[in-house]
C-alpha atoms as a PDB file:
ATOM      1  CA  MET A   1      44.272  -3.572 -15.342  1.00  0.00           C
ATOM      2  CA  THR A   2      46.303  -6.418 -13.899  1.00  0.00           C
ATOM      3  CA  THR A   3      47.192  -7.298 -10.339  1.00  0.00           C
ATOM      4  CA  PRO A   4      50.486  -9.201 -10.334  1.00  0.00           C
ATOM      5  CA  ALA A   5      52.455 -10.143  -7.277  1.00  0.00           C
ATOM      6  CA  PRO A   6      55.409  -7.776  -6.885  1.00  0.00           C
ATOM      7  CA  ASP A   7      58.868  -8.633  -8.223  1.00  0.00           C
ATOM      8  CA  ALA A   8      62.257  -7.902  -6.625  1.00  0.00           C
ATOM      9  CA  ALA A   9      62.484  -4.503  -8.332  1.00  0.00           C
ATOM     10  CA  THR A  10      59.461  -3.278  -6.406  1.00  0.00           C
ATOM     11  CA  ALA A  11      60.436  -4.772  -3.044  1.00  0.00           C
ATOM     12  CA  SER A  12      61.080  -1.461  -1.270  1.00  0.00           C
ATOM     13  CA  ALA A  13      57.796   0.020  -2.509  1.00  0.00           C
ATOM     14  CA  VAL A  14      55.981  -3.132  -1.434  1.00  0.00           C
ATOM     15  CA  GLU A  15      57.439  -2.843   2.060  1.00  0.00           C
ATOM     16  CA  ALA A  16      55.774   0.576   2.280  1.00  0.00           C
ATOM     17  CA  VAL A  17      52.232  -0.704   1.747  1.00  0.00           C
ATOM     18  CA  LEU A  18      49.819  -0.552   4.654  1.00  0.00           C
ATOM     19  CA  THR A  19      49.188  -3.970   6.178  1.00  0.00           C
ATOM     20  CA  LEU A  20      46.442  -5.355   8.365  1.00  0.00           C
ATOM     21  CA  GLY A  21      48.901  -5.334  11.275  1.00  0.00           C
ATOM     22  CA  ASP A  22      49.273  -1.561  10.886  1.00  0.00           C
ATOM     23  CA  ILE A  23      45.600  -0.878  11.603  1.00  0.00           C
ATOM     24  CA  ASP A  24      42.842  -2.037  13.946  1.00  0.00           C
ATOM     25  CA  ALA A  25      41.736  -5.381  12.519  1.00  0.00           C
ATOM     26  CA  SER A  26      38.509  -5.201  14.533  1.00  0.00           C
ATOM     27  CA  GLN A  27      37.475  -2.210  12.393  1.00  0.00           C
ATOM     28  CA  VAL A  28      38.033  -4.305   9.272  1.00  0.00           C
ATOM     29  CA  ALA A  29      36.118  -7.244  10.761  1.00  0.00           C
ATOM     30  CA  ALA A  30      33.202  -4.913  11.563  1.00  0.00           C
ATOM     31  CA  LEU A  31      33.207  -3.553   8.006  1.00  0.00           C
ATOM     32  CA  LEU A  32      33.111  -7.078   6.585  1.00  0.00           C
ATOM     33  CA  ALA A  33      30.377  -8.118   9.013  1.00  0.00           C
ATOM     34  CA  GLY A  34      28.218  -5.331   7.583  1.00  0.00           C
ATOM     35  CA  TYR A  35      28.298  -7.252   4.298  1.00  0.00           C
ATOM     36  CA  ASP A  36      27.689 -10.650   5.934  1.00  0.00           C
ATOM     37  CA  LEU A  37      31.351 -11.559   5.512  1.00  0.00           C
ATOM     38  CA  LYS A  38      33.847 -12.874   8.033  1.00  0.00           C
ATOM     39  CA  LEU A  39      37.498 -11.926   8.487  1.00  0.00           C
ATOM     40  CA  GLU A  40      39.651 -14.867   9.518  1.00  0.00           C
ATOM     41  CA  LEU A  41      42.922 -13.540  10.941  1.00  0.00           C
ATOM     42  CA  LEU A  42      45.659 -16.150  10.634  1.00  0.00           C
ATOM     43  CA  PRO A  43      48.973 -16.557  12.466  1.00  0.00           C
ATOM     44  CA  HIS A  44      52.025 -14.907  10.908  1.00  0.00           C
ATOM     45  CA  ASP A  45      53.497 -18.050   9.327  1.00  0.00           C
ATOM     46  CA  ALA A  46      50.227 -19.685   8.267  1.00  0.00           C
ATOM     47  CA  GLU A  47      49.371 -20.428   4.672  1.00  0.00           C
ATOM     48  CA  ILE A  48      46.528 -18.243   3.458  1.00  0.00           C
ATOM     49  CA  PRO A  49      43.648 -20.382   2.190  1.00  0.00           C
ATOM     50  CA  GLY A  50      42.056 -19.197  -1.025  1.00  0.00           C
ATOM     51  CA  SER A  51      44.866 -16.748  -1.898  1.00  0.00           C
ATOM     52  CA  TYR A  52      45.111 -16.323  -5.663  1.00  0.00           C
ATOM     53  CA  TRP A  53      48.665 -14.928  -5.620  1.00  0.00           C
ATOM     54  CA  GLY A  54      49.848 -16.654  -2.429  1.00  0.00           C
ATOM     55  CA  ALA A  55      50.923 -15.179   0.889  1.00  0.00           C
ATOM     56  CA  PRO A  56      50.789 -12.459   2.041  1.00  0.00           C
ATOM     57  CA  GLU A  57      47.855 -11.744  -0.305  1.00  0.00           C
ATOM     58  CA  ALA A  58      44.362 -12.200   1.162  1.00  0.00           C
ATOM     59  CA  GLY A  59      42.353 -15.279   0.302  1.00  0.00           C
ATOM     60  CA  LEU A  60      38.675 -15.979  -0.043  1.00  0.00           C
ATOM     61  CA  ILE A  61      36.520 -19.027   0.357  1.00  0.00           C
ATOM     62  CA  GLY A  62      32.758 -18.654   0.511  1.00  0.00           C
ATOM     63  CA  SER A  63      31.936 -15.707   2.758  1.00  0.00           C
ATOM     64  CA  THR A  64      35.293 -15.695   4.553  1.00  0.00           C
ATOM     65  CA  VAL A  65      38.275 -13.486   3.791  1.00  0.00           C
ATOM     66  CA  TYR A  66      41.563 -14.883   5.093  1.00  0.00           C
ATOM     67  CA  ALA A  67      44.469 -12.635   6.040  1.00  0.00           C
ATOM     68  CA  ARG A  68      47.535 -12.319   8.226  1.00  0.00           C
ATOM     69  CA  ALA A  69      49.011  -9.254   9.909  1.00  0.00           C
ATOM     70  CA  ASP A  70      51.363  -8.845   6.912  1.00  0.00           C
ATOM     71  CA  THR A  71      48.506  -8.942   4.390  1.00  0.00           C
ATOM     72  CA  PRO A  72      48.284  -5.629   2.522  1.00  0.00           C
ATOM     73  CA  VAL A  73      45.083  -3.732   3.328  1.00  0.00           C
ATOM     74  CA  HIS A  74      44.474  -3.122  -0.392  1.00  0.00           C
ATOM     75  CA  SER A  75      44.618  -6.897  -0.997  1.00  0.00           C
ATOM     76  CA  LEU A  76      42.209  -7.616   1.846  1.00  0.00           C
ATOM     77  CA  LEU A  77      39.807  -4.977   0.509  1.00  0.00           C
ATOM     78  CA  HIS A  78      40.142  -6.242  -3.064  1.00  0.00           C
ATOM     79  CA  GLU A  79      39.193  -9.792  -2.116  1.00  0.00           C
ATOM     80  CA  THR A  80      36.443  -8.511   0.180  1.00  0.00           C
ATOM     81  CA  CYS A  81      34.979  -6.497  -2.673  1.00  0.00           C
ATOM     82  CA  HIS A  82      34.974  -9.550  -4.926  1.00  0.00           C
ATOM     83  CA  LEU A  83      32.643 -11.161  -2.402  1.00  0.00           C
ATOM     84  CA  ILE A  84      30.536  -8.027  -1.914  1.00  0.00           C
ATOM     85  CA  VAL A  85      29.699  -7.730  -5.605  1.00  0.00           C
ATOM     86  CA  LEU A  86      28.613 -11.350  -5.919  1.00  0.00           C
ATOM     87  CA  PRO A  87      25.037 -12.467  -5.413  1.00  0.00           C
ATOM     88  CA  PRO A  88      24.702 -14.902  -2.465  1.00  0.00           C
ATOM     89  CA  GLU A  89      24.415 -17.997  -4.671  1.00  0.00           C
ATOM     90  CA  ARG A  90      27.726 -17.208  -6.397  1.00  0.00           C
ATOM     91  CA  ARG A  91      29.414 -16.102  -3.186  1.00  0.00           C
ATOM     92  CA  ALA A  92      28.815 -19.474  -1.535  1.00  0.00           C
ATOM     93  CA  ALA A  93      30.706 -21.252  -4.333  1.00  0.00           C
ATOM     94  CA  VAL A  94      33.766 -18.970  -4.389  1.00  0.00           C
ATOM     95  CA  HIS A  95      37.164 -20.458  -3.730  1.00  0.00           C
ATOM     96  CA  THR A  96      40.279 -18.425  -4.576  1.00  0.00           C
ATOM     97  CA  ASP A  97      39.178 -16.912  -7.915  1.00  0.00           C
ATOM     98  CA  ALA A  98      36.013 -14.856  -7.777  1.00  0.00           C
ATOM     99  CA  THR A  99      35.513 -13.607 -11.328  1.00  0.00           C
ATOM    100  CA  ASP A 100      36.501 -13.666 -14.943  1.00  0.00           C
ATOM    101  CA  SER A 101      34.496 -10.518 -15.745  1.00  0.00           C
ATOM    102  CA  ILE A 102      36.396  -7.357 -16.641  1.00  0.00           C
ATOM    103  CA  ASP A 103      33.435  -5.178 -15.632  1.00  0.00           C
ATOM    104  CA  GLU A 104      33.243  -6.872 -12.252  1.00  0.00           C
ATOM    105  CA  GLU A 105      37.014  -6.567 -11.737  1.00  0.00           C
ATOM    106  CA  ASN A 106      36.882  -2.843 -12.531  1.00  0.00           C
ATOM    107  CA  ALA A 107      34.009  -2.378 -10.082  1.00  0.00           C
ATOM    108  CA  VAL A 108      35.993  -4.220  -7.409  1.00  0.00           C
ATOM    109  CA  CYS A 109      38.971  -1.879  -7.888  1.00  0.00           C
ATOM    110  CA  VAL A 110      36.733   1.154  -7.404  1.00  0.00           C
ATOM    111  CA  LEU A 111      34.854  -0.318  -4.463  1.00  0.00           C
ATOM    112  CA  GLN A 112      38.049  -1.278  -2.620  1.00  0.00           C
ATOM    113  CA  ALA A 113      39.157   2.352  -2.706  1.00  0.00           C
ATOM    114  CA  LEU A 114      35.757   3.542  -1.497  1.00  0.00           C
ATOM    115  CA  LEU A 115      35.756   1.059   1.371  1.00  0.00           C
ATOM    116  CA  GLY A 116      39.184   2.339   2.383  1.00  0.00           C
ATOM    117  CA  ASP A 117      37.388   5.520   3.446  1.00  0.00           C
ATOM    118  CA  GLN A 118      35.414   3.487   5.980  1.00  0.00           C
ATOM    119  CA  ILE A 119      38.465   2.207   7.847  1.00  0.00           C
ATOM    120  CA  PRO A 120      40.154   4.594  10.291  1.00  0.00           C
ATOM    121  CA  GLY A 121      43.743   5.225   9.276  1.00  0.00           C
ATOM    122  CA  VAL A 122      43.292   4.017   5.700  1.00  0.00           C
ATOM    123  CA  GLY A 123      41.271   6.101   3.219  1.00  0.00           C
ATOM    124  CA  ARG A 124      40.858   5.810  -0.528  1.00  0.00           C
ATOM    125  CA  HIS A 125      44.037   7.687  -1.408  1.00  0.00           C
ATOM    126  CA  ARG A 126      46.174   5.283   0.620  1.00  0.00           C
ATOM    127  CA  VAL A 127      44.453   2.292  -1.003  1.00  0.00           C
ATOM    128  CA  LEU A 128      45.017   3.727  -4.482  1.00  0.00           C
ATOM    129  CA  ASP A 129      48.654   4.585  -3.744  1.00  0.00           C
ATOM    130  CA  ASP A 130      49.271   1.108  -2.346  1.00  0.00           C
ATOM    131  CA  MET A 131      47.699  -0.456  -5.428  1.00  0.00           C
ATOM    132  CA  ASP A 132      50.338   1.359  -7.493  1.00  0.00           C
ATOM    133  CA  ARG A 133      53.142   0.353  -5.121  1.00  0.00           C
ATOM    134  CA  TRP A 134      52.043  -3.280  -5.341  1.00  0.00           C
ATOM    135  CA  GLY A 135      52.060  -3.310  -9.127  1.00  0.00           C
ATOM    136  CA  TYR A 136      48.483  -2.872 -10.321  1.00  0.00           C
ATOM    137  CA  THR A 137      48.545  -1.322 -13.787  1.00  0.00           C
ATOM    138  CA  PHE A 138      45.985   0.945 -15.409  1.00  0.00           C
ATOM    139  CA  ARG A 139      45.983   2.503 -18.864  1.00  0.00           C
ATOM    140  CA  LEU A 140      46.133   6.037 -17.423  1.00  0.00           C
ATOM    141  CA  GLY A 141      49.254   5.168 -15.453  1.00  0.00           C
ATOM    142  CA  SER A 142      47.939   4.989 -11.885  1.00  0.00           C
ATOM    143  CA  ALA A 143      45.092   3.684  -9.803  1.00  0.00           C
ATOM    144  CA  ARG A 144      44.162   7.213  -8.762  1.00  0.00           C
ATOM    145  CA  ALA A 145      44.006   8.424 -12.390  1.00  0.00           C
ATOM    146  CA  TYR A 146      41.789   5.447 -13.222  1.00  0.00           C
ATOM    147  CA  PHE A 147      39.538   6.093 -10.225  1.00  0.00           C
ATOM    148  CA  GLU A 148      39.213   9.834 -10.884  1.00  0.00           C
ATOM    149  CA  GLN A 149      39.170   9.937 -14.693  1.00  0.00           C
ATOM    150  CA  ASP A 150      38.330   6.575 -16.244  1.00  0.00           C
ATOM    151  CA  ALA A 151      36.081   4.590 -13.912  1.00  0.00           C
ATOM    152  CA  ASP A 152      32.626   5.887 -14.886  1.00  0.00           C
ATOM    153  CA  ASP A 153      31.633   2.435 -16.120  1.00  0.00           C
ATOM    154  CA  ALA A 154      32.704   0.862 -12.809  1.00  0.00           C
ATOM    155  CA  PHE A 155      30.801   3.465 -10.794  1.00  0.00           C
ATOM    156  CA  ASP A 156      27.738   2.835 -13.004  1.00  0.00           C
ATOM    157  CA  TRP A 157      28.102  -0.926 -12.546  1.00  0.00           C
ATOM    158  CA  LEU A 158      28.142  -0.487  -8.759  1.00  0.00           C
ATOM    159  CA  ARG A 159      25.300   2.047  -8.815  1.00  0.00           C
ATOM    160  CA  GLN A 160      23.074  -0.250 -10.904  1.00  0.00           C
ATOM    161  CA  ARG A 161      23.479  -2.970  -8.283  1.00  0.00           C
ATOM    162  CA  ASN A 162      23.055  -0.622  -5.296  1.00  0.00           C
ATOM    163  CA  LEU A 163      26.599  -1.383  -4.155  1.00  0.00           C
ATOM    164  CA  LEU A 164      27.994   2.136  -3.837  1.00  0.00           C
ATOM    165  CA  PRO A 165      28.649   2.979  -0.199  1.00  0.00           C
ATOM    166  CA  ALA A 166      26.444   5.810   1.069  1.00  0.00           C
ATOM    167  CA  HIS A 167      29.379   8.234   1.267  1.00  0.00           C
ATOM    168  CA  ALA A 168      30.113   7.676  -2.452  1.00  0.00           C
ATOM    169  CA  ALA A 169      26.600   7.959  -3.877  1.00  0.00           C
END
């Protein structure tokens, strides 16, 4: 699985992804607060601190997730989940790049879809579809196929650390 920034060929699909400006950001902030994280909403033209791929992708530094109204919801959830899966001592040191672990990255991809269910107007299917639109790649051909057919190890990883949301257990 890779998560590249989109190229020109995928521009129209990218325009169709759900952004933070399309939903109630206070709902997202409340979700993050439940994990002792903070959402920092930035002005439209601001640089996004801690963004691995650059704007409009979300960024992370410590326990803060940075985003703008044009930040894709799937990106915001992905970076949020990187922080959720980290123990507090690792979380405090995070700046831009949260992991080099394939198992952790897989768990983050699953968790971001599950957290989509907790945001009104989003849902896991929209997150998974937007991951495909943005250019994530999975060996089964789609994020949904990965989630439904190939993510047992990621679900186990989350379960072992008590990180599965209650609705997914």
